[in-house]
Protein backbone atom coordinates (compact mmCIF):
# COMPACT_ATOMS: atom_id res chain seq x y z
CA MET A 1 -57.98 -6.68 2.69
CA PHE A 2 -54.69 -4.95 2.02
CA LEU A 3 -55.38 -2.21 4.56
CA SER A 4 -56.99 -4.50 7.13
CA GLN A 5 -54.01 -6.85 7.33
CA PRO A 6 -50.86 -5.18 8.79
CA ASP A 7 -48.67 -7.93 7.33
CA SER A 8 -49.73 -7.18 3.73
CA ILE A 9 -47.14 -5.99 1.23
CA LEU A 10 -46.90 -5.26 -2.49
CA LEU A 11 -43.86 -6.13 -4.59
CA PRO A 12 -42.81 -4.96 -8.07
CA ARG A 13 -42.88 -7.70 -10.69
CA SER A 14 -39.29 -6.94 -11.61
CA PHE A 15 -38.31 -7.81 -8.04
CA ALA A 16 -40.61 -10.79 -7.48
CA ALA A 17 -40.13 -12.66 -10.77
CA PRO A 18 -36.37 -13.40 -10.45
CA ARG A 19 -36.95 -14.63 -6.89
CA GLY A 20 -39.92 -16.86 -7.65
CA LEU A 21 -42.38 -14.83 -5.55
CA ASP A 22 -46.06 -14.60 -6.42
CA VAL A 23 -49.31 -13.45 -4.83
CA GLY A 24 -49.82 -15.26 -1.53
CA ALA A 25 -46.12 -15.93 -0.97
CA ILE A 26 -44.73 -15.49 2.53
CA LEU A 27 -41.68 -13.22 2.84
CA GLU A 28 -39.50 -12.94 5.93
CA LEU A 29 -38.11 -9.46 6.66
CA GLU A 30 -35.74 -8.15 9.31
CA THR A 31 -37.33 -5.41 11.46
CA PRO A 32 -36.05 -3.43 14.48
CA THR A 33 -38.10 -5.74 16.72
CA GLY A 34 -36.85 -8.95 15.09
CA ARG A 35 -37.80 -11.16 12.15
CA ARG A 36 -41.40 -10.88 10.96
CA TRP A 37 -43.42 -12.64 8.26
CA PHE A 38 -45.29 -10.69 5.58
CA THR A 39 -47.71 -11.87 2.90
CA VAL A 40 -47.49 -10.72 -0.70
CA ARG A 41 -50.99 -9.42 -1.52
CA GLY A 42 -50.26 -8.16 -5.01
CA LEU A 43 -47.68 -7.30 -7.67
CA ILE A 44 -47.22 -3.89 -9.28
CA GLU A 45 -45.91 -3.14 -12.74
CA PRO A 46 -42.40 -1.67 -13.14
CA GLU A 47 -43.64 1.84 -13.90
CA GLY A 48 -44.41 4.87 -11.82
CA MET A 49 -43.99 3.89 -8.20
CA GLY A 50 -42.67 0.48 -9.26
CA ARG A 51 -39.56 2.13 -10.75
CA VAL A 52 -38.41 3.73 -7.50
CA HIS A 53 -34.96 2.39 -6.49
CA GLY A 54 -34.95 0.32 -9.64
CA GLY A 55 -37.90 -1.74 -8.43
CA ASN A 56 -36.13 -2.86 -5.24
CA LEU A 57 -38.79 -1.83 -2.76
CA VAL A 58 -41.72 -3.07 -0.68
CA VAL A 59 -45.04 -1.19 -0.64
CA MET A 60 -46.96 -1.21 2.66
CA ASP A 61 -49.65 0.76 4.39
CA ILE A 62 -48.02 3.74 6.05
CA PHE A 63 -49.36 2.93 9.51
CA ALA A 64 -48.36 -0.74 9.21
CA ALA A 65 -44.87 0.25 8.01
CA GLU A 66 -44.57 2.75 10.84
CA LYS A 67 -45.51 0.12 13.38
CA ALA A 68 -43.23 -2.58 11.94
CA PHE A 69 -40.10 -0.60 11.12
CA THR A 70 -40.14 2.58 13.21
CA ARG A 71 -42.33 3.83 16.00
CA PRO A 72 -45.61 5.73 15.95
CA GLY A 73 -45.20 9.34 14.88
CA LEU A 74 -41.79 8.81 13.29
CA ILE A 75 -41.71 8.88 9.48
CA ASN A 76 -38.27 9.56 8.04
CA ARG A 77 -39.12 9.56 4.36
CA VAL A 78 -42.09 9.68 1.99
CA ASP A 79 -41.76 9.12 -1.78
CA VAL A 80 -44.16 11.02 -4.02
CA VAL A 81 -44.79 9.88 -7.60
CA VAL A 82 -45.57 12.79 -9.90
CA ALA A 83 -48.03 12.34 -12.74
CA ARG A 84 -46.65 12.48 -16.25
CA ASP A 85 -48.52 15.69 -17.14
CA ARG A 86 -47.31 17.61 -14.07
CA ASP A 87 -44.13 19.62 -13.73
CA VAL A 88 -41.75 18.27 -11.11
CA ALA A 89 -40.49 21.71 -10.05
CA THR A 90 -44.05 23.01 -9.54
CA VAL A 91 -45.03 19.99 -7.44
CA ARG A 92 -41.84 20.35 -5.42
CA LYS A 93 -42.58 23.98 -4.57
CA ALA A 94 -46.16 23.14 -3.62
CA LEU A 95 -45.05 20.33 -1.31
CA ALA A 96 -42.33 22.47 0.28
CA SER A 97 -44.85 25.20 1.10
CA ALA A 98 -47.18 22.68 2.73
CA LEU A 99 -44.60 20.83 4.85
CA PRO A 100 -43.75 21.96 8.38
CA GLU A 101 -40.34 23.27 9.35
CA GLY A 102 -37.58 20.63 9.46
CA LEU A 103 -38.79 18.67 6.42
CA ARG A 104 -37.42 19.18 2.93
CA VAL A 105 -38.36 18.10 -0.57
CA THR A 106 -35.66 16.69 -2.84
CA ALA A 107 -35.92 15.29 -6.34
CA PRO A 108 -34.53 11.81 -7.11
CA ALA A 109 -31.90 13.47 -9.28
CA GLN A 110 -30.57 15.19 -6.18
CA ARG A 111 -29.63 11.81 -4.72
CA LYS A 112 -27.55 11.11 -7.80
CA VAL A 113 -25.82 14.46 -7.36
CA ASP A 114 -25.13 13.58 -3.73
CA LEU A 115 -23.79 10.20 -4.81
CA HIS A 116 -21.43 11.82 -7.32
CA ARG A 117 -20.29 14.23 -4.63
CA ILE A 118 -19.59 11.34 -2.27
CA MET A 119 -17.70 9.45 -4.96
CA ARG A 120 -15.66 12.55 -5.74
CA SER A 121 -14.80 12.95 -2.06
CA VAL A 122 -13.75 9.31 -1.86
CA GLN A 123 -11.60 9.74 -4.98
CA VAL A 124 -9.86 12.80 -3.55
CA MET A 125 -9.30 10.96 -0.27
CA LEU A 126 -7.76 7.99 -2.08
CA GLN A 127 -5.48 10.30 -4.05
CA GLY A 128 -4.33 11.92 -0.82
CA VAL A 129 -3.66 8.53 0.73
CA SER A 130 -1.71 7.53 -2.38
CA LEU A 131 0.51 10.62 -2.07
CA LEU A 132 1.17 9.84 1.59
CA VAL A 133 2.07 6.25 0.71
CA LEU A 134 4.40 7.52 -2.04
CA LEU A 135 6.12 9.86 0.42
CA ALA A 136 6.52 7.07 2.98
CA ALA A 137 7.95 4.78 0.29
CA PHE A 138 10.38 7.52 -0.76
CA LEU A 139 11.71 7.87 2.80
CA ILE A 140 12.01 4.10 3.24
CA VAL A 141 13.88 3.70 -0.06
CA PHE A 142 16.16 6.64 0.77
CA ASN A 143 17.18 5.17 4.13
CA ARG A 144 17.57 1.67 2.75
CA LEU A 145 19.70 2.70 -0.23
CA SER A 146 21.86 4.90 2.00
CA ALA A 147 22.67 1.84 4.12
CA VAL A 148 23.25 -0.34 1.04
CA PHE A 149 25.63 2.14 -0.63
CA GLU A 150 27.52 2.61 2.62
CA ALA A 151 27.96 -1.15 2.94
CA ARG A 152 29.25 -1.31 -0.66
CA ILE A 153 31.74 1.51 -0.26
CA TRP A 154 34.62 -0.96 -0.74
CA GLN A 155 33.30 -1.88 -4.20
CA VAL A 156 32.96 1.80 -5.03
CA GLY A 157 36.58 2.34 -4.01
CA VAL A 158 37.72 -0.50 -6.26
CA MET A 159 35.75 0.97 -9.18
CA ARG A 160 37.35 4.36 -8.56
CA ALA A 161 40.80 2.77 -8.34
CA MET A 162 40.22 1.12 -11.72
CA GLY A 163 39.86 4.57 -13.28
CA LEU A 164 36.10 5.20 -13.30
CA ARG A 165 35.09 8.79 -12.76
CA PRO A 166 32.66 9.72 -9.95
CA ARG A 167 29.98 10.49 -12.53
CA ASP A 168 30.30 7.02 -14.07
CA VAL A 169 30.06 5.37 -10.65
CA TRP A 170 27.05 7.52 -9.81
CA LEU A 171 25.26 6.54 -13.03
CA GLU A 172 26.03 2.88 -12.40
CA LEU A 173 24.48 3.04 -8.93
CA LEU A 174 21.43 4.85 -10.31
CA ALA A 175 21.00 2.17 -12.98
CA GLU A 176 20.98 -0.54 -10.31
CA SER A 177 18.47 1.47 -8.27
CA SER A 178 16.19 1.89 -11.30
CA LEU A 179 16.10 -1.89 -11.78
CA ILE A 180 15.06 -2.34 -8.15
CA GLY A 181 12.42 0.38 -8.55
CA ALA A 182 11.05 -1.22 -11.74
CA ALA A 183 10.70 -4.57 -9.97
CA GLY A 184 8.88 -2.91 -7.08
CA VAL A 185 6.56 -1.04 -9.46
CA ALA A 186 5.66 -4.28 -11.27
CA VAL A 187 4.78 -6.01 -8.00
CA GLY A 188 2.88 -2.96 -6.74
CA LEU A 189 0.79 -2.56 -9.89
CA ALA A 190 -0.15 -6.25 -9.97
CA SER A 191 -1.17 -6.30 -6.30
CA GLY A 192 -3.00 -2.97 -6.59
CA VAL A 193 -5.07 -4.08 -9.58
CA GLY A 194 -5.95 -7.35 -7.85
CA LEU A 195 -6.99 -5.59 -4.64
CA ALA A 196 -9.08 -3.06 -6.59
CA ARG A 197 -10.98 -5.88 -8.33
CA LEU A 198 -11.89 -7.33 -4.94
CA MET A 199 -12.83 -4.04 -3.25
CA LEU A 200 -14.81 -2.36 -6.06
CA PRO A 201 -18.07 -4.38 -5.64
CA VAL A 202 -17.98 -3.83 -1.88
CA LEU A 203 -17.51 -0.07 -2.21
CA ALA A 204 -20.18 0.23 -4.91
CA THR A 205 -22.75 -1.68 -2.86
CA THR A 206 -22.00 0.25 0.34
CA THR A 207 -22.21 3.65 -1.35
CA ALA A 208 -25.43 2.81 -3.20
CA LEU A 209 -27.15 1.54 -0.06
CA ALA A 210 -26.05 4.58 1.92
CA SER A 211 -27.50 6.86 -0.76
CA LYS A 212 -30.68 4.75 -1.16
CA LEU A 213 -30.00 4.05 -4.82
CA THR A 214 -30.04 0.91 -6.90
CA VAL A 215 -26.90 -1.12 -6.48
CA PRO A 216 -25.03 -0.79 -9.79
CA SER A 217 -23.26 -3.61 -11.53
CA ALA A 218 -19.66 -2.71 -10.76
CA ARG A 219 -17.27 -3.03 -13.68
CA PHE A 220 -13.54 -2.66 -13.23
CA THR A 221 -11.54 -0.88 -15.93
CA VAL A 222 -7.93 0.28 -15.90
CA GLY A 223 -6.52 2.80 -18.33
CA TRP A 224 -3.02 2.50 -19.68
CA GLY A 225 -2.49 6.14 -18.82
CA SER A 226 -3.07 5.46 -15.12
CA LEU A 227 -0.68 2.51 -15.17
CA ALA A 228 1.97 4.57 -16.97
CA THR A 229 1.59 7.42 -14.48
CA ALA A 230 1.95 5.03 -11.54
CA ALA A 231 5.03 3.41 -13.10
CA ILE A 232 6.69 6.77 -13.80
CA LEU A 233 6.00 7.99 -10.26
CA GLY A 234 7.35 4.76 -8.73
CA VAL A 235 10.58 4.63 -10.74
CA GLY A 236 11.04 8.40 -10.45
CA ALA A 237 10.69 8.28 -6.67
CA THR A 238 13.27 5.48 -6.54
CA LEU A 239 15.78 7.42 -8.65
CA LEU A 240 15.20 10.57 -6.63
CA ALA A 241 15.72 8.67 -3.38
CA ALA A 242 18.92 7.04 -4.70
CA ALA A 243 20.47 10.18 -6.22
CA LEU A 244 21.94 11.72 -3.06
CA PRO A 245 23.23 8.50 -1.38
CA ALA A 246 24.76 7.35 -4.68
CA TRP A 247 26.47 10.71 -5.20
CA ARG A 248 27.93 10.61 -1.70
CA ALA A 249 29.30 7.14 -2.29
CA ALA A 250 30.69 8.06 -5.72
CA ARG A 251 32.46 11.17 -4.39
CA THR A 252 34.26 9.31 -1.59
CA SER A 253 38.05 9.48 -1.81
CA THR A 254 39.65 6.30 -3.14
CA ALA A 255 42.56 6.47 -0.71
CA ALA A 256 40.23 6.95 2.24
CA VAL A 257 38.04 4.05 1.18
CA LEU A 258 40.85 1.59 0.55
CA GLY A 259 42.88 2.68 3.56
CA GLY A 260 39.93 2.68 5.91
CA ASP A 261 38.68 -0.72 4.82
CA SER A 262 42.07 -2.47 4.67
CA ALA A 263 41.96 -3.24 8.37
CA ARG A 264 38.48 -4.75 8.09
CA ALA A 265 39.53 -6.72 5.04
CA LEU A 266 42.56 -8.07 6.89
CA ASP A 267 40.45 -9.02 9.89
CA ALA A 268 37.95 -10.76 7.61
CA ARG A 269 40.76 -12.60 5.85
CA ARG A 270 42.20 -13.72 9.15
CA SER A 271 38.82 -15.00 10.26
CA VAL A 272 38.57 -17.24 7.19
CA GLY A 273 42.29 -18.07 6.89
CA PRO A 274 44.29 -21.08 8.09
CA GLY A 275 43.80 -20.10 11.74
CA ARG A 276 40.00 -20.21 11.59
CA ASP A 277 39.97 -23.65 13.18
CA LEU A 278 42.06 -22.57 16.17
CA PRO A 279 40.39 -22.37 19.55
CA PRO A 280 39.14 -18.94 20.59
CA SER A 281 41.82 -18.63 23.28
CA LEU A 282 44.56 -18.90 20.63
CA ARG A 283 42.76 -16.80 18.04
CA ARG A 284 42.57 -13.94 20.52
CA GLY A 285 46.33 -13.96 20.68
CA LEU A 286 46.63 -13.18 16.98
CA ARG A 287 47.27 -9.54 16.29
CA ARG A 288 47.35 -7.62 13.08
CA PRO A 289 50.93 -6.56 12.27
CA SER A 290 51.65 -2.92 12.78
CA ALA A 291 51.29 -0.71 9.74
CA ARG A 292 54.54 1.12 10.57
CA ARG A 293 57.71 -0.88 10.89
CA GLY A 294 61.12 0.54 11.70
CA PRO A 295 64.42 -0.61 10.20
CA PRO A 296 65.51 -4.12 11.17
CA GLN A 297 67.66 -4.22 14.27
CA ARG A 298 70.67 -6.50 14.63
CA VAL A 299 70.77 -8.55 17.78
CA ALA A 300 74.18 -9.24 19.28
CA PRO A 301 74.88 -12.92 19.92
CA ARG A 302 75.11 -14.02 23.50
CA ALA A 303 78.55 -14.86 24.85
CA ASP A 304 77.69 -18.34 25.92
CA CYS A 305 76.47 -19.11 22.44
CA VAL A 306 79.77 -18.22 20.64
CA ARG A 307 81.84 -21.20 19.59
CA GLU A 308 85.58 -20.79 19.91
CA PRO A 309 87.75 -22.02 17.03
CA ASP A 310 89.73 -25.23 17.44
CA ALA A 311 93.30 -24.98 18.80
CA PRO A 312 96.14 -25.25 16.24
CA ALA A 313 98.08 -28.44 15.90
CA GLY A 314 101.30 -26.95 17.37
CA GLY A 315 99.73 -26.37 20.71
CA GLY A 316 100.17 -22.64 20.53
CA ARG A 317 97.63 -20.18 21.55
CA PRO A 318 95.08 -19.24 18.97
CA ARG A 319 95.44 -15.96 17.25
CA PRO A 320 92.98 -13.32 18.23
């Protein structure tokens, strides 16, 4: 009956029991030609052939499987179960000598080796992407801190004027940068661990299905060594990116900083001073006083503004 009915299938007990399937149950499967219904004609024990792929398989007649899932004459894979008293290597050589050109014989252990090779390739790829992201973050932090230190050059000039040496100013700027880097590392580690927890089951399932292996139960573990390495790289990249911009700012001349920014400070003071409520037409008339002033000049009084002294009582002419 199993061979005479093309819709007959066998299921391992380890697969059917958790899903409530028994002999005579109807199972719907997706095929290249659409959804089709198959009848469970029997259950096999989880040993020998029933252990292939961890018991996650369906056993069918080869011609019925070829008709339902491929096309006549196209068989892409055949699993051979070796008896316990036979040597796997000997059976493999015998099968390879009997197969035509283009077909190969591989042991199930080879699929595990291929899976480990794929996982190693993915790991190397992720490490390369991490290095590229670290380099991009270094460039972004370098440009951003350069702009920040340039905007704070007035504060640096005040610190230099108060007697701080360039080295002290440089260390102060590096300390502030390290705090920013530590905050960024904390946020990055938390978001990275959370994203890894979400993506690990998806990657494990995809890789196992592509390699035709049993889907493993993914378990996420993080070592303190990995977290420490990531933290050191993050803070170190921040300090390295801040070193040159901070040194440039710390080495700036105090006189140049204070003299160059005095005009901007005066303009800013004027914009928030008593005249800030004046209309724009009057504010445009305000000008910053010239930095160089000559000696005060005496202006001669006009003739029509001079008051002559009163005439004397005797009527005489006034003395010159």
